[in-house]
Amino acid sequence: METKKQKIKNSEAGFSLIEFLVAITLGSVAVMVISGIFVQTLRLQRKAFFIQRVQENISLALETLAKEIRVSTISTFNTNCPASPAQLLAVAHPINGNLEYFLSGGAIHRRAVDSGIDTTLSSSGISVTRLGFCVSGNSLDDNFQPRVTILLSVQNTNGSEVIQVDIQTTVSQRLLSN
């Protein structure tokens, strides 16, 4: 014969249906929250990766531009920046001759004027949407060192998410003017 104590123990032996549904609901909510955080983390990581690739791809073009501007004589006259930057930068390089830099077809181009050779400086993994040159210090009477501020807007061409990066850098001519 079962005693009263054994009957109570047997009736409390398992979960009720309500307790089971509450446990499943709480578990589902926890899984949804954790998976949402995981998806958001992946999205942020992918975005950071694309930004890094855009910056790496444009840095080589900017370094090439900067090296040639530093040793060249800037031929483009002072511009009214930032209202209207020049779309073309002309320089006289001591070895490569007269050079022009401009934007065409989403890429930065370098044209050797004397030979007519046109070279694309930017990589195919990016699209340059804006290129402007702010020239200052190129007048004889302003007593400033000639310098060029390069204004760029660049975006990736690969991937599902479009990342737009705005870049601005200033390069000064190493040749001191009188």
N, C-alpha and C. Protein backbone atom coordinates (compact mmCIF):
# COMPACT_ATOMS: atom_id res chain seq x y z
N MET A 1 0.82 -1.19 0.00
CA MET A 1 0.00 0.00 0.00
C MET A 1 0.85 1.24 0.00
N GLU A 2 0.33 2.15 -0.75
CA GLU A 2 1.05 3.42 -0.81
C GLU A 2 0.64 4.30 0.35
N THR A 3 1.62 4.93 0.86
CA THR A 3 1.34 5.88 1.92
C THR A 3 1.03 7.23 1.32
N LYS A 4 0.56 8.10 2.15
CA LYS A 4 0.19 9.45 1.70
C LYS A 4 1.42 10.19 1.19
N LYS A 5 2.55 9.99 1.81
CA LYS A 5 3.80 10.65 1.41
C LYS A 5 4.22 10.20 0.01
N GLN A 6 4.09 8.94 -0.30
CA GLN A 6 4.45 8.41 -1.60
C GLN A 6 3.53 8.95 -2.68
N LYS A 7 2.25 9.11 -2.38
CA LYS A 7 1.30 9.65 -3.36
C LYS A 7 1.67 11.09 -3.73
N ILE A 8 2.01 11.91 -2.75
CA ILE A 8 2.40 13.30 -3.00
C ILE A 8 3.68 13.33 -3.81
N LYS A 9 4.63 12.50 -3.51
CA LYS A 9 5.90 12.44 -4.21
C LYS A 9 5.69 12.05 -5.68
N ASN A 10 4.82 11.09 -5.93
CA ASN A 10 4.55 10.64 -7.30
C ASN A 10 3.83 11.72 -8.11
N SER A 11 2.97 12.50 -7.51
CA SER A 11 2.24 13.53 -8.24
C SER A 11 3.13 14.72 -8.59
N GLU A 12 4.24 14.92 -7.89
CA GLU A 12 5.16 16.03 -8.16
C GLU A 12 6.40 15.57 -8.92
N ALA A 13 6.36 14.44 -9.50
CA ALA A 13 7.54 13.83 -10.12
C ALA A 13 7.93 14.49 -11.42
N GLY A 14 7.09 15.12 -12.23
CA GLY A 14 7.44 15.67 -13.55
C GLY A 14 7.04 17.12 -13.70
N PHE A 15 7.27 17.62 -14.94
CA PHE A 15 6.87 18.98 -15.26
C PHE A 15 5.43 18.99 -15.73
N SER A 16 4.76 20.05 -15.43
CA SER A 16 3.42 20.19 -15.97
C SER A 16 3.52 20.76 -17.38
N LEU A 17 2.46 20.73 -18.13
CA LEU A 17 2.44 21.24 -19.49
C LEU A 17 2.74 22.74 -19.52
N ILE A 18 2.25 23.48 -18.58
CA ILE A 18 2.48 24.93 -18.52
C ILE A 18 3.95 25.21 -18.25
N GLU A 19 4.55 24.49 -17.32
CA GLU A 19 5.97 24.68 -17.04
C GLU A 19 6.82 24.35 -18.27
N PHE A 20 6.43 23.31 -18.97
CA PHE A 20 7.16 22.93 -20.18
C PHE A 20 7.04 24.01 -21.26
N LEU A 21 5.88 24.59 -21.49
CA LEU A 21 5.68 25.65 -22.48
C LEU A 21 6.44 26.92 -22.11
N VAL A 22 6.46 27.26 -20.84
CA VAL A 22 7.20 28.43 -20.38
C VAL A 22 8.70 28.23 -20.62
N ALA A 23 9.19 27.05 -20.33
CA ALA A 23 10.61 26.76 -20.53
C ALA A 23 10.98 26.83 -22.01
N ILE A 24 10.14 26.29 -22.88
CA ILE A 24 10.41 26.34 -24.33
C ILE A 24 10.34 27.79 -24.83
N THR A 25 9.40 28.56 -24.36
CA THR A 25 9.28 29.97 -24.77
C THR A 25 10.51 30.76 -24.35
N LEU A 26 10.93 30.61 -23.11
CA LEU A 26 12.12 31.33 -22.64
C LEU A 26 13.37 30.88 -23.40
N GLY A 27 13.48 29.60 -23.66
CA GLY A 27 14.61 29.10 -24.45
C GLY A 27 14.60 29.65 -25.87
N SER A 28 13.44 29.74 -26.48
CA SER A 28 13.33 30.29 -27.85
C SER A 28 13.71 31.76 -27.89
N VAL A 29 13.26 32.51 -26.91
CA VAL A 29 13.60 33.94 -26.85
C VAL A 29 15.11 34.11 -26.69
N ALA A 30 15.71 33.30 -25.84
CA ALA A 30 17.17 33.38 -25.63
C ALA A 30 17.92 33.05 -26.91
N VAL A 31 17.49 32.03 -27.63
CA VAL A 31 18.14 31.64 -28.89
C VAL A 31 17.98 32.75 -29.94
N MET A 32 16.80 33.37 -30.01
CA MET A 32 16.59 34.45 -30.97
C MET A 32 17.47 35.66 -30.66
N VAL A 33 17.59 36.02 -29.40
CA VAL A 33 18.43 37.15 -29.01
C VAL A 33 19.89 36.86 -29.34
N ILE A 34 20.35 35.67 -29.01
CA ILE A 34 21.75 35.32 -29.27
C ILE A 34 22.02 35.26 -30.77
N SER A 35 21.10 34.69 -31.55
CA SER A 35 21.32 34.63 -33.00
C SER A 35 21.26 36.03 -33.62
N GLY A 36 20.43 36.91 -33.11
CA GLY A 36 20.39 38.29 -33.60
C GLY A 36 21.70 39.02 -33.35
N ILE A 37 22.26 38.82 -32.18
CA ILE A 37 23.56 39.42 -31.86
C ILE A 37 24.65 38.84 -32.77
N PHE A 38 24.60 37.55 -33.03
CA PHE A 38 25.58 36.90 -33.90
C PHE A 38 25.49 37.44 -35.33
N VAL A 39 24.27 37.58 -35.86
CA VAL A 39 24.09 38.11 -37.22
C VAL A 39 24.58 39.55 -37.30
N GLN A 40 24.28 40.36 -36.30
CA GLN A 40 24.72 41.75 -36.29
C GLN A 40 26.25 41.84 -36.23
N THR A 41 26.87 40.97 -35.45
CA THR A 41 28.33 40.94 -35.36
C THR A 41 28.94 40.57 -36.70
N LEU A 42 28.37 39.58 -37.38
CA LEU A 42 28.86 39.22 -38.71
C LEU A 42 28.72 40.37 -39.71
N ARG A 43 27.60 41.08 -39.64
CA ARG A 43 27.37 42.21 -40.54
C ARG A 43 28.39 43.32 -40.29
N LEU A 44 28.67 43.62 -39.03
CA LEU A 44 29.66 44.64 -38.69
C LEU A 44 31.07 44.22 -39.11
N GLN A 45 31.38 42.94 -38.95
CA GLN A 45 32.69 42.44 -39.36
C GLN A 45 32.85 42.55 -40.87
N ARG A 46 31.81 42.22 -41.62
CA ARG A 46 31.86 42.32 -43.08
C ARG A 46 32.01 43.77 -43.52
N LYS A 47 31.32 44.67 -42.85
CA LYS A 47 31.42 46.10 -43.17
C LYS A 47 32.84 46.61 -42.90
N ALA A 48 33.41 46.22 -41.77
CA ALA A 48 34.78 46.63 -41.44
C ALA A 48 35.77 46.08 -42.46
N PHE A 49 35.54 44.85 -42.92
CA PHE A 49 36.40 44.24 -43.93
C PHE A 49 36.34 45.03 -45.24
N PHE A 50 35.13 45.42 -45.68
CA PHE A 50 35.00 46.19 -46.91
C PHE A 50 35.64 47.57 -46.79
N ILE A 51 35.49 48.21 -45.63
CA ILE A 51 36.12 49.52 -45.43
C ILE A 51 37.63 49.38 -45.50
N GLN A 52 38.17 48.34 -44.89
CA GLN A 52 39.62 48.11 -44.93
C GLN A 52 40.09 47.87 -46.37
N ARG A 53 39.34 47.10 -47.14
CA ARG A 53 39.73 46.84 -48.54
C ARG A 53 39.69 48.11 -49.37
N VAL A 54 38.69 48.96 -49.17
CA VAL A 54 38.61 50.22 -49.90
C VAL A 54 39.82 51.08 -49.56
N GLN A 55 40.16 51.18 -48.28
CA GLN A 55 41.29 52.00 -47.87
C GLN A 55 42.61 51.44 -48.40
N GLU A 56 42.77 50.13 -48.39
CA GLU A 56 43.99 49.54 -48.93
C GLU A 56 44.10 49.77 -50.43
N ASN A 57 42.98 49.64 -51.14
CA ASN A 57 43.00 49.80 -52.59
C ASN A 57 43.30 51.23 -53.02
N ILE A 58 42.84 52.22 -52.27
CA ILE A 58 43.07 53.60 -52.67
C ILE A 58 44.40 54.12 -52.15
N SER A 59 44.97 53.49 -51.12
CA SER A 59 46.20 54.01 -50.55
C SER A 59 47.37 53.96 -51.53
N LEU A 60 47.43 52.94 -52.37
CA LEU A 60 48.51 52.86 -53.36
C LEU A 60 48.41 54.01 -54.37
N ALA A 61 47.21 54.29 -54.83
CA ALA A 61 47.03 55.40 -55.78
C ALA A 61 47.39 56.73 -55.12
N LEU A 62 46.97 56.94 -53.88
CA LEU A 62 47.30 58.18 -53.19
C LEU A 62 48.80 58.31 -52.95
N GLU A 63 49.46 57.22 -52.64
CA GLU A 63 50.91 57.26 -52.42
C GLU A 63 51.64 57.60 -53.71
N THR A 64 51.21 57.03 -54.82
CA THR A 64 51.81 57.36 -56.12
C THR A 64 51.63 58.83 -56.45
N LEU A 65 50.41 59.33 -56.25
CA LEU A 65 50.13 60.75 -56.48
C LEU A 65 51.01 61.62 -55.60
N ALA A 66 51.09 61.30 -54.32
CA ALA A 66 51.84 62.11 -53.36
C ALA A 66 53.32 62.15 -53.71
N LYS A 67 53.89 61.00 -54.07
CA LYS A 67 55.33 60.97 -54.41
C LYS A 67 55.64 61.89 -55.59
N GLU A 68 54.78 61.87 -56.61
CA GLU A 68 55.06 62.69 -57.79
C GLU A 68 54.78 64.16 -57.55
N ILE A 69 53.78 64.47 -56.73
CA ILE A 69 53.48 65.88 -56.43
C ILE A 69 54.61 66.49 -55.61
N ARG A 70 55.17 65.74 -54.67
CA ARG A 70 56.23 66.27 -53.80
C ARG A 70 57.44 66.76 -54.59
N VAL A 71 57.81 66.06 -55.65
CA VAL A 71 59.03 66.43 -56.38
C VAL A 71 58.73 67.26 -57.63
N SER A 72 57.47 67.52 -57.92
CA SER A 72 57.09 68.24 -59.13
C SER A 72 56.82 69.71 -58.85
N THR A 73 56.75 70.46 -59.91
CA THR A 73 56.28 71.84 -59.85
C THR A 73 54.81 71.82 -60.22
N ILE A 74 53.97 72.36 -59.36
CA ILE A 74 52.52 72.33 -59.58
C ILE A 74 52.17 73.39 -60.62
N SER A 75 51.54 72.97 -61.71
CA SER A 75 51.18 73.88 -62.80
C SER A 75 49.77 74.44 -62.65
N THR A 76 48.90 73.74 -61.96
CA THR A 76 47.52 74.19 -61.77
C THR A 76 47.53 75.40 -60.85
N PHE A 77 46.73 76.41 -61.21
CA PHE A 77 46.66 77.63 -60.42
C PHE A 77 45.86 77.40 -59.14
N ASN A 78 46.00 78.31 -58.19
CA ASN A 78 45.25 78.24 -56.94
C ASN A 78 43.76 78.10 -57.24
N THR A 79 43.09 77.31 -56.42
CA THR A 79 41.65 77.09 -56.60
C THR A 79 40.89 77.66 -55.42
N ASN A 80 39.61 77.89 -55.64
CA ASN A 80 38.74 78.39 -54.58
C ASN A 80 38.13 77.18 -53.87
N CYS A 81 38.81 76.71 -52.87
CA CYS A 81 38.35 75.49 -52.18
C CYS A 81 37.74 75.83 -50.84
N PRO A 82 36.86 75.04 -50.38
CA PRO A 82 36.34 73.80 -50.93
C PRO A 82 35.17 74.00 -51.89
N ALA A 83 34.81 75.25 -52.19
CA ALA A 83 33.64 75.50 -53.04
C ALA A 83 33.80 74.91 -54.44
N SER A 84 34.94 75.10 -55.05
CA SER A 84 35.12 74.59 -56.42
C SER A 84 36.53 74.07 -56.62
N PRO A 85 36.79 72.84 -56.19
CA PRO A 85 38.12 72.27 -56.41
C PRO A 85 38.35 71.98 -57.89
N ALA A 86 39.61 71.95 -58.28
CA ALA A 86 39.95 71.65 -59.67
C ALA A 86 39.69 70.17 -59.95
N GLN A 87 39.23 69.86 -61.15
CA GLN A 87 38.96 68.49 -61.54
C GLN A 87 40.18 67.83 -62.17
N LEU A 88 41.17 68.64 -62.52
CA LEU A 88 42.39 68.15 -63.15
C LEU A 88 43.58 68.81 -62.49
N LEU A 89 44.59 68.02 -62.16
CA LEU A 89 45.81 68.55 -61.57
C LEU A 89 46.94 68.37 -62.57
N ALA A 90 47.61 69.46 -62.91
CA ALA A 90 48.74 69.40 -63.83
C ALA A 90 50.02 69.73 -63.06
N VAL A 91 51.04 68.89 -63.26
CA VAL A 91 52.34 69.10 -62.62
C VAL A 91 53.44 68.88 -63.64
N ALA A 92 54.59 69.49 -63.37
CA ALA A 92 55.78 69.29 -64.20
C ALA A 92 56.77 68.47 -63.38
N HIS A 93 56.88 67.20 -63.71
CA HIS A 93 57.76 66.27 -63.00
C HIS A 93 59.16 66.37 -63.59
N PRO A 94 60.21 66.37 -62.76
CA PRO A 94 61.57 66.55 -63.28
C PRO A 94 62.04 65.39 -64.20
N ILE A 95 61.51 64.21 -64.04
CA ILE A 95 61.92 63.07 -64.86
C ILE A 95 60.84 62.66 -65.86
N ASN A 96 59.60 62.59 -65.40
CA ASN A 96 58.49 62.09 -66.22
C ASN A 96 57.84 63.16 -67.09
N GLY A 97 58.25 64.40 -66.97
CA GLY A 97 57.69 65.48 -67.79
C GLY A 97 56.36 65.99 -67.24
N ASN A 98 55.54 66.52 -68.13
CA ASN A 98 54.25 67.09 -67.73
C ASN A 98 53.24 65.96 -67.51
N LEU A 99 52.61 66.01 -66.33
CA LEU A 99 51.64 64.98 -65.95
C LEU A 99 50.31 65.62 -65.61
N GLU A 100 49.23 64.89 -65.87
CA GLU A 100 47.89 65.32 -65.49
C GLU A 100 47.21 64.19 -64.74
N TYR A 101 46.50 64.55 -63.68
CA TYR A 101 45.73 63.60 -62.90
C TYR A 101 44.27 64.01 -62.98
N PHE A 102 43.38 63.03 -63.22
CA PHE A 102 41.97 63.34 -63.36
C PHE A 102 41.14 62.08 -63.11
N LEU A 103 39.83 62.26 -62.99
CA LEU A 103 38.89 61.17 -62.77
C LEU A 103 38.20 60.85 -64.08
N SER A 104 38.17 59.57 -64.44
CA SER A 104 37.47 59.14 -65.65
C SER A 104 36.97 57.72 -65.45
N GLY A 105 35.69 57.51 -65.65
CA GLY A 105 35.11 56.17 -65.55
C GLY A 105 35.24 55.53 -64.19
N GLY A 106 35.19 56.31 -63.13
CA GLY A 106 35.28 55.77 -61.78
C GLY A 106 36.68 55.40 -61.35
N ALA A 107 37.70 55.87 -62.09
CA ALA A 107 39.09 55.54 -61.76
C ALA A 107 39.95 56.80 -61.85
N ILE A 108 41.03 56.83 -61.07
CA ILE A 108 41.99 57.94 -61.12
C ILE A 108 42.97 57.64 -62.25
N HIS A 109 43.12 58.62 -63.13
CA HIS A 109 44.03 58.45 -64.27
C HIS A 109 45.21 59.39 -64.16
N ARG A 110 46.34 58.92 -64.67
CA ARG A 110 47.58 59.70 -64.75
C ARG A 110 47.98 59.71 -66.22
N ARG A 111 48.01 60.89 -66.80
CA ARG A 111 48.36 61.01 -68.21
C ARG A 111 49.70 61.74 -68.33
N ALA A 112 50.64 61.10 -69.01
CA ALA A 112 51.90 61.76 -69.36
C ALA A 112 51.62 62.56 -70.63
N VAL A 113 51.57 63.87 -70.50
CA VAL A 113 51.14 64.73 -71.61
C VAL A 113 52.08 64.62 -72.79
N ASP A 114 53.38 64.58 -72.55
CA ASP A 114 54.36 64.55 -73.63
C ASP A 114 54.26 63.27 -74.48
N SER A 115 54.04 62.13 -73.83
CA SER A 115 53.98 60.86 -74.57
C SER A 115 52.55 60.40 -74.84
N GLY A 116 51.58 60.98 -74.13
CA GLY A 116 50.19 60.60 -74.32
C GLY A 116 49.81 59.29 -73.62
N ILE A 117 50.68 58.75 -72.79
CA ILE A 117 50.41 57.49 -72.10
C ILE A 117 49.47 57.76 -70.92
N ASP A 118 48.36 57.04 -70.91
CA ASP A 118 47.36 57.17 -69.85
C ASP A 118 47.39 55.92 -68.98
N THR A 119 47.57 56.10 -67.67
CA THR A 119 47.66 54.98 -66.74
C THR A 119 46.56 55.12 -65.69
N THR A 120 45.92 54.01 -65.37
CA THR A 120 44.93 54.00 -64.30
C THR A 120 45.64 53.71 -62.99
N LEU A 121 45.46 54.60 -62.00
CA LEU A 121 46.14 54.44 -60.72
C LEU A 121 45.32 53.66 -59.70
N SER A 122 44.00 53.75 -59.79
CA SER A 122 43.17 53.08 -58.78
C SER A 122 42.85 51.65 -59.22
N SER A 123 42.56 50.81 -58.25
CA SER A 123 42.32 49.40 -58.51
C SER A 123 40.90 49.16 -59.01
N SER A 124 40.68 47.98 -59.58
CA SER A 124 39.36 47.65 -60.11
C SER A 124 38.37 47.28 -59.00
N GLY A 125 38.84 47.08 -57.78
CA GLY A 125 37.97 46.73 -56.67
C GLY A 125 37.24 47.90 -56.07
N ILE A 126 37.54 49.11 -56.54
CA ILE A 126 36.90 50.31 -56.01
C ILE A 126 36.39 51.19 -57.15
N SER A 127 35.49 52.08 -56.80
CA SER A 127 35.00 53.06 -57.75
C SER A 127 35.16 54.44 -57.10
N VAL A 128 35.90 55.31 -57.77
CA VAL A 128 36.10 56.67 -57.27
C VAL A 128 34.93 57.50 -57.79
N THR A 129 34.14 58.03 -56.88
CA THR A 129 32.95 58.80 -57.28
C THR A 129 33.21 60.31 -57.29
N ARG A 130 34.27 60.74 -56.61
CA ARG A 130 34.60 62.18 -56.60
C ARG A 130 36.11 62.32 -56.44
N LEU A 131 36.68 63.20 -57.25
CA LEU A 131 38.10 63.53 -57.15
C LEU A 131 38.24 65.02 -57.39
N GLY A 132 38.80 65.71 -56.43
CA GLY A 132 39.02 67.14 -56.54
C GLY A 132 40.39 67.51 -55.99
N PHE A 133 40.93 68.58 -56.54
CA PHE A 133 42.25 69.05 -56.12
C PHE A 133 42.12 70.51 -55.67
N CYS A 134 42.50 70.78 -54.44
CA CYS A 134 42.53 72.15 -53.92
C CYS A 134 44.00 72.58 -53.90
N VAL A 135 44.33 73.50 -54.78
CA VAL A 135 45.71 73.99 -54.91
C VAL A 135 45.82 75.32 -54.19
N SER A 136 46.85 75.47 -53.37
CA SER A 136 47.10 76.74 -52.70
C SER A 136 48.60 76.96 -52.62
N GLY A 137 48.98 78.21 -52.44
CA GLY A 137 50.40 78.54 -52.35
C GLY A 137 51.11 78.55 -53.68
N ASN A 138 50.37 78.61 -54.77
CA ASN A 138 50.98 78.54 -56.10
C ASN A 138 51.10 79.91 -56.76
N SER A 139 50.78 80.95 -56.03
CA SER A 139 50.94 82.31 -56.54
C SER A 139 52.27 82.87 -56.05
N LEU A 140 52.88 83.71 -56.83
CA LEU A 140 54.18 84.27 -56.45
C LEU A 140 54.08 85.21 -55.26
N ASP A 141 52.92 85.84 -55.08
CA ASP A 141 52.80 86.86 -54.04
C ASP A 141 52.17 86.38 -52.74
N ASP A 142 51.83 85.10 -52.61
CA ASP A 142 51.15 84.66 -51.39
C ASP A 142 52.11 84.17 -50.30
N ASN A 143 53.39 83.96 -50.60
CA ASN A 143 54.42 83.55 -49.64
C ASN A 143 54.08 82.25 -48.89
N PHE A 144 53.34 81.35 -49.52
CA PHE A 144 53.03 80.05 -48.94
C PHE A 144 53.71 78.96 -49.75
N GLN A 145 54.01 77.86 -49.08
CA GLN A 145 54.55 76.69 -49.76
C GLN A 145 53.45 76.09 -50.65
N PRO A 146 53.73 75.81 -51.92
CA PRO A 146 52.70 75.19 -52.78
C PRO A 146 52.29 73.83 -52.22
N ARG A 147 50.96 73.61 -52.20
CA ARG A 147 50.43 72.34 -51.70
C ARG A 147 49.12 72.01 -52.40
N VAL A 148 48.81 70.73 -52.38
CA VAL A 148 47.59 70.23 -53.02
C VAL A 148 46.84 69.39 -51.99
N THR A 149 45.58 69.71 -51.80
CA THR A 149 44.71 68.89 -50.98
C THR A 149 43.88 68.04 -51.93
N ILE A 150 43.96 66.73 -51.76
CA ILE A 150 43.25 65.80 -52.63
C ILE A 150 41.98 65.37 -51.90
N LEU A 151 40.84 65.56 -52.57
CA LEU A 151 39.54 65.19 -52.01
C LEU A 151 39.00 63.99 -52.78
N LEU A 152 38.69 62.92 -52.09
CA LEU A 152 38.23 61.69 -52.74
C LEU A 152 36.98 61.15 -52.07
N SER A 153 36.09 60.59 -52.87
CA SER A 153 35.01 59.75 -52.37
C SER A 153 35.15 58.43 -53.11
N VAL A 154 35.25 57.36 -52.36
CA VAL A 154 35.53 56.04 -52.92
C VAL A 154 34.52 55.05 -52.37
N GLN A 155 34.11 54.10 -53.20
CA GLN A 155 33.25 53.02 -52.72
C GLN A 155 33.70 51.69 -53.31
N ASN A 156 33.33 50.62 -52.62
CA ASN A 156 33.71 49.30 -53.10
C ASN A 156 32.82 48.88 -54.26
N THR A 157 33.36 48.05 -55.15
CA THR A 157 32.57 47.53 -56.26
C THR A 157 32.25 46.06 -56.05
N ASN A 158 32.87 45.43 -55.06
CA ASN A 158 32.61 44.03 -54.75
C ASN A 158 31.83 43.93 -53.46
N GLY A 159 30.99 42.91 -53.35
CA GLY A 159 30.25 42.69 -52.12
C GLY A 159 28.82 43.16 -52.23
N SER A 160 28.03 42.74 -51.29
CA SER A 160 26.60 43.06 -51.33
C SER A 160 26.29 44.42 -50.72
N GLU A 161 27.14 44.89 -49.84
CA GLU A 161 26.91 46.16 -49.16
C GLU A 161 27.85 47.22 -49.72
N VAL A 162 27.30 48.37 -50.13
CA VAL A 162 28.12 49.45 -50.68
C VAL A 162 28.65 50.29 -49.52
N ILE A 163 29.97 50.43 -49.48
CA ILE A 163 30.64 51.21 -48.45
C ILE A 163 31.25 52.43 -49.11
N GLN A 164 30.86 53.63 -48.67
CA GLN A 164 31.37 54.89 -49.19
C GLN A 164 32.37 55.45 -48.19
N VAL A 165 33.57 55.79 -48.65
CA VAL A 165 34.60 56.36 -47.79
C VAL A 165 35.05 57.68 -48.39
N ASP A 166 35.06 58.73 -47.57
CA ASP A 166 35.56 60.04 -47.99
C ASP A 166 36.96 60.21 -47.43
N ILE A 167 37.88 60.62 -48.31
CA ILE A 167 39.28 60.75 -47.91
C ILE A 167 39.76 62.14 -48.32
N GLN A 168 40.56 62.74 -47.46
CA GLN A 168 41.18 64.02 -47.76
C GLN A 168 42.61 63.97 -47.26
N THR A 169 43.54 64.35 -48.11
CA THR A 169 44.94 64.40 -47.71
C THR A 169 45.60 65.59 -48.38
N THR A 170 46.60 66.15 -47.74
CA THR A 170 47.31 67.30 -48.27
C THR A 170 48.76 66.93 -48.50
N VAL A 171 49.27 67.30 -49.67
CA VAL A 171 50.65 67.03 -50.05
C VAL A 171 51.30 68.35 -50.38
N SER A 172 52.46 68.62 -49.79
CA SER A 172 53.16 69.85 -50.15
C SER A 172 54.35 69.56 -51.04
N GLN A 173 54.56 70.50 -51.91
CA GLN A 173 55.67 70.41 -52.86
C GLN A 173 56.98 70.59 -52.10
N ARG A 174 57.96 69.79 -52.40
CA ARG A 174 59.25 69.89 -51.70
C ARG A 174 60.10 71.04 -52.26
N LEU A 175 59.82 71.44 -53.46
CA LEU A 175 60.59 72.53 -54.03
C LEU A 175 60.13 73.83 -53.39
N LEU A 176 61.05 74.51 -52.76
CA LEU A 176 60.71 75.76 -52.11
C LEU A 176 60.61 76.86 -53.17
N SER A 177 59.55 77.66 -53.08
CA SER A 177 59.39 78.75 -54.04
C SER A 177 59.93 80.03 -53.43
N ASN A 178 60.33 80.95 -54.29
CA ASN A 178 60.89 82.23 -53.83
C ASN A 178 59.78 83.21 -53.54
